[in-house]
Amino acid sequence: MSTAAHVLLALLAGGPLHGYDLKKAHDLRFPKAKPLAFGQVYATLGRLERDGLVEQMGTSREGGPDRTRFALTDAGRQALASWLATVETPAPYVSSELLAKVVVALLVADPEQARAYLTAQRQAHTERLRELTALKADPATPLGDVVAADFALTHLDADLRWMRTTLERVAELHQEIHA
């Protein structure tokens, strides 16, 4: 089951909601995440209903099209609890567009071009770090945004440390690749 499905189950744990309200709740609770498309919400609800994890709780019309409310079933609560109890396995493989670009730069560019790429990327990361730090410093920032910013800041910091180390090794890496 997808992460989005588990998130919808969690949002339904607070009580029955329409698909439209689920999308709004997702986008509110995960403000820095990619917003869910309405189509994804309804397709996921269909799969969750098929699997007995949610059930329809009636339809209403609030000045627009019919809206079906969905509620979490006992099986849905169990599935959510099981997912939460499962520890996430650290990624077995390193997979990142940033890593791929650095390796490609080392393959096709000379050391100075590779350094220029890394330097530009480091600058972009540093700017984003500043933006997120300012967001966290604003007392009006909702706690969900602060938690998301903390997550992003930690990852940006790790990327920056990796880029610094890689910059120090560019000539050596380039020589190894082209030997």
C-alpha atoms as a PDB file:
ATOM      1  CA  MET A   1       0.000   0.000   0.000  1.00  0.00           C
ATOM      2  CA  SER A   2       1.301   3.460  -0.836  1.00  0.00           C
ATOM      3  CA  THR A   3       2.310   6.132   1.628  1.00  0.00           C
ATOM      4  CA  ALA A   4      -0.547   8.277   0.308  1.00  0.00           C
ATOM      5  CA  ALA A   5      -3.011   5.512   1.204  1.00  0.00           C
ATOM      6  CA  HIS A   6      -1.668   5.338   4.743  1.00  0.00           C
ATOM      7  CA  VAL A   7      -1.852   9.120   5.058  1.00  0.00           C
ATOM      8  CA  LEU A   8      -5.503   9.045   3.945  1.00  0.00           C
ATOM      9  CA  LEU A   9      -6.199   6.326   6.524  1.00  0.00           C
ATOM     10  CA  ALA A  10      -4.591   8.515   9.182  1.00  0.00           C
ATOM     11  CA  LEU A  11      -6.666  11.525   8.157  1.00  0.00           C
ATOM     12  CA  LEU A  12      -9.819   9.390   8.364  1.00  0.00           C
ATOM     13  CA  ALA A  13      -8.846   8.241  11.860  1.00  0.00           C
ATOM     14  CA  GLY A  14     -10.217  11.572  13.107  1.00  0.00           C
ATOM     15  CA  GLY A  15     -13.635  10.879  11.614  1.00  0.00           C
ATOM     16  CA  PRO A  16     -15.451  10.534   8.290  1.00  0.00           C
ATOM     17  CA  LEU A  17     -14.486  12.948   5.510  1.00  0.00           C
ATOM     18  CA  HIS A  18     -15.291  13.613   1.858  1.00  0.00           C
ATOM     19  CA  GLY A  19     -12.561  13.181  -0.740  1.00  0.00           C
ATOM     20  CA  TYR A  20     -12.387  16.961  -1.153  1.00  0.00           C
ATOM     21  CA  ASP A  21     -11.870  17.414   2.608  1.00  0.00           C
ATOM     22  CA  LEU A  22      -9.211  14.680   2.621  1.00  0.00           C
ATOM     23  CA  LYS A  23      -7.238  16.515  -0.059  1.00  0.00           C
ATOM     24  CA  LYS A  24      -7.500  19.787   1.865  1.00  0.00           C
ATOM     25  CA  ALA A  25      -6.480  18.075   5.122  1.00  0.00           C
ATOM     26  CA  HIS A  26      -3.486  16.433   3.419  1.00  0.00           C
ATOM     27  CA  ASP A  27      -2.294  19.705   1.932  1.00  0.00           C
ATOM     28  CA  LEU A  28      -2.730  21.412   5.319  1.00  0.00           C
ATOM     29  CA  ARG A  29      -0.907  18.707   7.307  1.00  0.00           C
ATOM     30  CA  PHE A  30       1.868  18.238   4.751  1.00  0.00           C
ATOM     31  CA  PRO A  31       2.385  21.833   3.597  1.00  0.00           C
ATOM     32  CA  LYS A  32       5.822  21.317   2.068  1.00  0.00           C
ATOM     33  CA  ALA A  33       4.965  18.017   0.389  1.00  0.00           C
ATOM     34  CA  LYS A  34       3.742  17.611  -3.146  1.00  0.00           C
ATOM     35  CA  PRO A  35      -0.019  18.290  -3.042  1.00  0.00           C
ATOM     36  CA  LEU A  36      -2.279  15.327  -3.705  1.00  0.00           C
ATOM     37  CA  ALA A  37      -4.292  15.465  -6.904  1.00  0.00           C
ATOM     38  CA  PHE A  38      -8.042  14.964  -6.498  1.00  0.00           C
ATOM     39  CA  GLY A  39      -7.819  12.022  -8.887  1.00  0.00           C
ATOM     40  CA  GLN A  40      -5.226  10.374  -6.659  1.00  0.00           C
ATOM     41  CA  VAL A  41      -7.431  10.855  -3.588  1.00  0.00           C
ATOM     42  CA  TYR A  42     -10.469   9.262  -5.216  1.00  0.00           C
ATOM     43  CA  ALA A  43      -8.509   6.438  -6.857  1.00  0.00           C
ATOM     44  CA  THR A  44      -6.852   5.659  -3.517  1.00  0.00           C
ATOM     45  CA  LEU A  45     -10.195   5.767  -1.691  1.00  0.00           C
ATOM     46  CA  GLY A  46     -11.553   3.302  -4.254  1.00  0.00           C
ATOM     47  CA  ARG A  47      -8.701   0.871  -3.563  1.00  0.00           C
ATOM     48  CA  LEU A  48      -9.037   1.331   0.204  1.00  0.00           C
ATOM     49  CA  GLU A  49     -12.781   0.642  -0.029  1.00  0.00           C
ATOM     50  CA  ARG A  50     -12.187  -2.418  -2.234  1.00  0.00           C
ATOM     51  CA  ASP A  51      -9.732  -3.727   0.373  1.00  0.00           C
ATOM     52  CA  GLY A  52     -12.178  -3.148   3.241  1.00  0.00           C
ATOM     53  CA  LEU A  53     -10.073  -0.452   4.904  1.00  0.00           C
ATOM     54  CA  VAL A  54     -12.614   2.358   4.460  1.00  0.00           C
ATOM     55  CA  GLU A  55     -16.361   2.412   3.930  1.00  0.00           C
ATOM     56  CA  GLN A  56     -18.851   4.887   2.566  1.00  0.00           C
ATOM     57  CA  MET A  57     -20.825   6.738   5.215  1.00  0.00           C
ATOM     58  CA  GLY A  58     -23.387   8.467   3.045  1.00  0.00           C
ATOM     59  CA  THR A  59     -23.574  11.150   0.411  1.00  0.00           C
ATOM     60  CA  SER A  60     -24.389  14.816   0.765  1.00  0.00           C
ATOM     61  CA  ARG A  61     -24.704  17.756  -1.561  1.00  0.00           C
ATOM     62  CA  GLU A  62     -23.335  20.995  -0.163  1.00  0.00           C
ATOM     63  CA  GLY A  63     -24.036  23.495  -2.928  1.00  0.00           C
ATOM     64  CA  GLY A  64     -22.258  21.383  -5.497  1.00  0.00           C
ATOM     65  CA  PRO A  65     -21.845  17.823  -6.690  1.00  0.00           C
ATOM     66  CA  ASP A  66     -22.625  14.823  -4.513  1.00  0.00           C
ATOM     67  CA  ARG A  67     -19.905  14.182  -1.978  1.00  0.00           C
ATOM     68  CA  THR A  68     -19.425  10.767  -0.468  1.00  0.00           C
ATOM     69  CA  ARG A  69     -18.096  10.614   3.074  1.00  0.00           C
ATOM     70  CA  PHE A  70     -15.658   7.846   3.906  1.00  0.00           C
ATOM     71  CA  ALA A  71     -14.832   6.384   7.301  1.00  0.00           C
ATOM     72  CA  LEU A  72     -12.070   4.153   8.549  1.00  0.00           C
ATOM     73  CA  THR A  73     -13.050   0.529   9.238  1.00  0.00           C
ATOM     74  CA  ASP A  74     -11.581  -1.618  12.010  1.00  0.00           C
ATOM     75  CA  ALA A  75      -9.416  -3.293   9.350  1.00  0.00           C
ATOM     76  CA  GLY A  76      -8.271   0.178   8.260  1.00  0.00           C
ATOM     77  CA  ARG A  77      -7.321   1.062  11.841  1.00  0.00           C
ATOM     78  CA  GLN A  78      -5.384  -2.195  12.071  1.00  0.00           C
ATOM     79  CA  ALA A  79      -3.592  -1.559   8.774  1.00  0.00           C
ATOM     80  CA  LEU A  80      -2.662   1.955   9.917  1.00  0.00           C
ATOM     81  CA  ALA A  81      -1.386   0.712  13.290  1.00  0.00           C
ATOM     82  CA  SER A  82       0.653  -2.006  11.580  1.00  0.00           C
ATOM     83  CA  TRP A  83       2.187   0.512   9.159  1.00  0.00           C
ATOM     84  CA  LEU A  84       3.091   2.860  12.000  1.00  0.00           C
ATOM     85  CA  ALA A  85       4.666   0.010  13.981  1.00  0.00           C
ATOM     86  CA  THR A  86       6.876  -1.029  11.057  1.00  0.00           C
ATOM     87  CA  VAL A  87      10.320   0.562  11.186  1.00  0.00           C
ATOM     88  CA  GLU A  88      11.416   2.105   7.894  1.00  0.00           C
ATOM     89  CA  THR A  89      14.395   0.279   6.443  1.00  0.00           C
ATOM     90  CA  PRO A  90      17.202   2.667   5.548  1.00  0.00           C
ATOM     91  CA  ALA A  91      17.492   2.888   1.784  1.00  0.00           C
ATOM     92  CA  PRO A  92      19.676   0.021   0.542  1.00  0.00           C
ATOM     93  CA  TYR A  93      20.856   2.002  -2.476  1.00  0.00           C
ATOM     94  CA  VAL A  94      21.987   5.535  -2.941  1.00  0.00           C
ATOM     95  CA  SER A  95      19.641   7.084  -5.444  1.00  0.00           C
ATOM     96  CA  SER A  96      19.436  10.782  -6.050  1.00  0.00           C
ATOM     97  CA  GLU A  97      19.347  13.078  -9.035  1.00  0.00           C
ATOM     98  CA  LEU A  98      22.003  15.196  -7.322  1.00  0.00           C
ATOM     99  CA  LEU A  99      24.363  12.202  -7.043  1.00  0.00           C
ATOM    100  CA  ALA A 100      23.667  11.215 -10.647  1.00  0.00           C
ATOM    101  CA  LYS A 101      24.479  14.720 -11.906  1.00  0.00           C
ATOM    102  CA  VAL A 102      27.737  14.825  -9.974  1.00  0.00           C
ATOM    103  CA  VAL A 103      28.852  11.452 -11.339  1.00  0.00           C
ATOM    104  CA  VAL A 104      27.830  12.473 -14.860  1.00  0.00           C
ATOM    105  CA  ALA A 105      29.702  15.771 -14.476  1.00  0.00           C
ATOM    106  CA  LEU A 106      32.785  13.793 -13.516  1.00  0.00           C
ATOM    107  CA  LEU A 107      32.294  11.498 -16.518  1.00  0.00           C
ATOM    108  CA  VAL A 108      31.781  14.133 -19.194  1.00  0.00           C
ATOM    109  CA  ALA A 109      33.303  17.337 -17.866  1.00  0.00           C
ATOM    110  CA  ASP A 110      36.752  18.390 -16.878  1.00  0.00           C
ATOM    111  CA  PRO A 111      37.465  18.890 -13.156  1.00  0.00           C
ATOM    112  CA  GLU A 112      36.816  22.646 -13.299  1.00  0.00           C
ATOM    113  CA  GLN A 113      33.392  22.151 -14.905  1.00  0.00           C
ATOM    114  CA  ALA A 114      32.532  19.544 -12.294  1.00  0.00           C
ATOM    115  CA  ARG A 115      33.629  21.959  -9.547  1.00  0.00           C
ATOM    116  CA  ALA A 116      31.534  24.733 -11.123  1.00  0.00           C
ATOM    117  CA  TYR A 117      28.476  22.465 -11.121  1.00  0.00           C
ATOM    118  CA  LEU A 118      29.012  21.500  -7.488  1.00  0.00           C
ATOM    119  CA  THR A 119      29.611  25.111  -6.482  1.00  0.00           C
ATOM    120  CA  ALA A 120      26.388  26.261  -8.167  1.00  0.00           C
ATOM    121  CA  GLN A 121      24.469  23.419  -6.571  1.00  0.00           C
ATOM    122  CA  ARG A 122      25.967  24.242  -3.172  1.00  0.00           C
ATOM    123  CA  GLN A 123      24.838  27.852  -3.583  1.00  0.00           C
ATOM    124  CA  ALA A 124      21.267  26.741  -4.387  1.00  0.00           C
ATOM    125  CA  HIS A 125      21.247  24.466  -1.321  1.00  0.00           C
ATOM    126  CA  THR A 126      22.595  27.268   0.876  1.00  0.00           C
ATOM    127  CA  GLU A 127      19.876  29.663  -0.338  1.00  0.00           C
ATOM    128  CA  ARG A 128      17.192  27.081   0.426  1.00  0.00           C
ATOM    129  CA  LEU A 129      18.762  26.519   3.851  1.00  0.00           C
ATOM    130  CA  ARG A 130      18.433  30.255   4.561  1.00  0.00           C
ATOM    131  CA  GLU A 131      14.804  30.320   3.390  1.00  0.00           C
ATOM    132  CA  LEU A 132      13.853  27.431   5.648  1.00  0.00           C
ATOM    133  CA  THR A 133      15.748  28.867   8.603  1.00  0.00           C
ATOM    134  CA  ALA A 134      13.856  32.166   8.181  1.00  0.00           C
ATOM    135  CA  LEU A 135      10.576  30.246   7.981  1.00  0.00           C
ATOM    136  CA  LYS A 136      11.346  28.499  11.266  1.00  0.00           C
ATOM    137  CA  ALA A 137      12.274  31.806  12.943  1.00  0.00           C
ATOM    138  CA  ASP A 138       8.886  33.329  12.124  1.00  0.00           C
ATOM    139  CA  PRO A 139       6.612  32.864  15.181  1.00  0.00           C
ATOM    140  CA  ALA A 140       3.567  32.772  12.875  1.00  0.00           C
ATOM    141  CA  THR A 141       4.826  29.612  11.147  1.00  0.00           C
ATOM    142  CA  PRO A 142       2.530  26.658  11.932  1.00  0.00           C
ATOM    143  CA  LEU A 143       4.177  23.764  13.777  1.00  0.00           C
ATOM    144  CA  GLY A 144       3.633  21.417  10.797  1.00  0.00           C
ATOM    145  CA  ASP A 145       5.672  23.765   8.625  1.00  0.00           C
ATOM    146  CA  VAL A 146       8.407  23.902  11.275  1.00  0.00           C
ATOM    147  CA  VAL A 147       8.590  20.094  11.426  1.00  0.00           C
ATOM    148  CA  ALA A 148       8.761  19.900   7.610  1.00  0.00           C
ATOM    149  CA  ALA A 149      11.452  22.611   7.587  1.00  0.00           C
ATOM    150  CA  ASP A 150      13.492  20.692  10.191  1.00  0.00           C
ATOM    151  CA  PHE A 151      13.321  17.591   8.006  1.00  0.00           C
ATOM    152  CA  ALA A 152      14.404  19.512   4.909  1.00  0.00           C
ATOM    153  CA  LEU A 153      17.164  21.394   6.777  1.00  0.00           C
ATOM    154  CA  THR A 154      18.684  18.156   8.026  1.00  0.00           C
ATOM    155  CA  HIS A 155      18.775  16.739   4.499  1.00  0.00           C
ATOM    156  CA  LEU A 156      20.128  19.952   3.003  1.00  0.00           C
ATOM    157  CA  ASP A 157      22.869  20.040   5.627  1.00  0.00           C
ATOM    158  CA  ALA A 158      23.856  16.460   4.802  1.00  0.00           C
ATOM    159  CA  ASP A 159      23.905  17.301   1.078  1.00  0.00           C
ATOM    160  CA  LEU A 160      26.095  20.337   1.761  1.00  0.00           C
ATOM    161  CA  ARG A 161      28.581  18.294   3.780  1.00  0.00           C
ATOM    162  CA  TRP A 162      28.703  15.685   0.993  1.00  0.00           C
ATOM    163  CA  MET A 163      29.235  18.390  -1.652  1.00  0.00           C
ATOM    164  CA  ARG A 164      32.076  19.917   0.379  1.00  0.00           C
ATOM    165  CA  THR A 165      33.802  16.533   0.643  1.00  0.00           C
ATOM    166  CA  THR A 166      33.214  15.804  -3.045  1.00  0.00           C
ATOM    167  CA  LEU A 167      34.584  19.207  -4.072  1.00  0.00           C
ATOM    168  CA  GLU A 168      37.773  18.345  -2.210  1.00  0.00           C
ATOM    169  CA  ARG A 169      38.005  15.100  -4.195  1.00  0.00           C
ATOM    170  CA  VAL A 170      36.998  16.252  -7.696  1.00  0.00           C
ATOM    171  CA  ALA A 171      40.460  16.031  -9.248  1.00  0.00           C
ATOM    172  CA  GLU A 172      41.106  12.628  -7.703  1.00  0.00           C
ATOM    173  CA  LEU A 173      37.670  11.310  -8.748  1.00  0.00           C
ATOM    174  CA  HIS A 174      38.050  12.666 -12.261  1.00  0.00           C
ATOM    175  CA  GLN A 175      41.455  11.030 -12.591  1.00  0.00           C
ATOM    176  CA  GLU A 176      40.086   7.695 -11.312  1.00  0.00           C
ATOM    177  CA  ILE A 177      37.164   7.748 -13.746  1.00  0.00           C
ATOM    178  CA  HIS A 178      39.315   8.651 -16.741  1.00  0.00           C
ATOM    179  CA  ALA A 179      42.247   6.356 -15.944  1.00  0.00           C
END
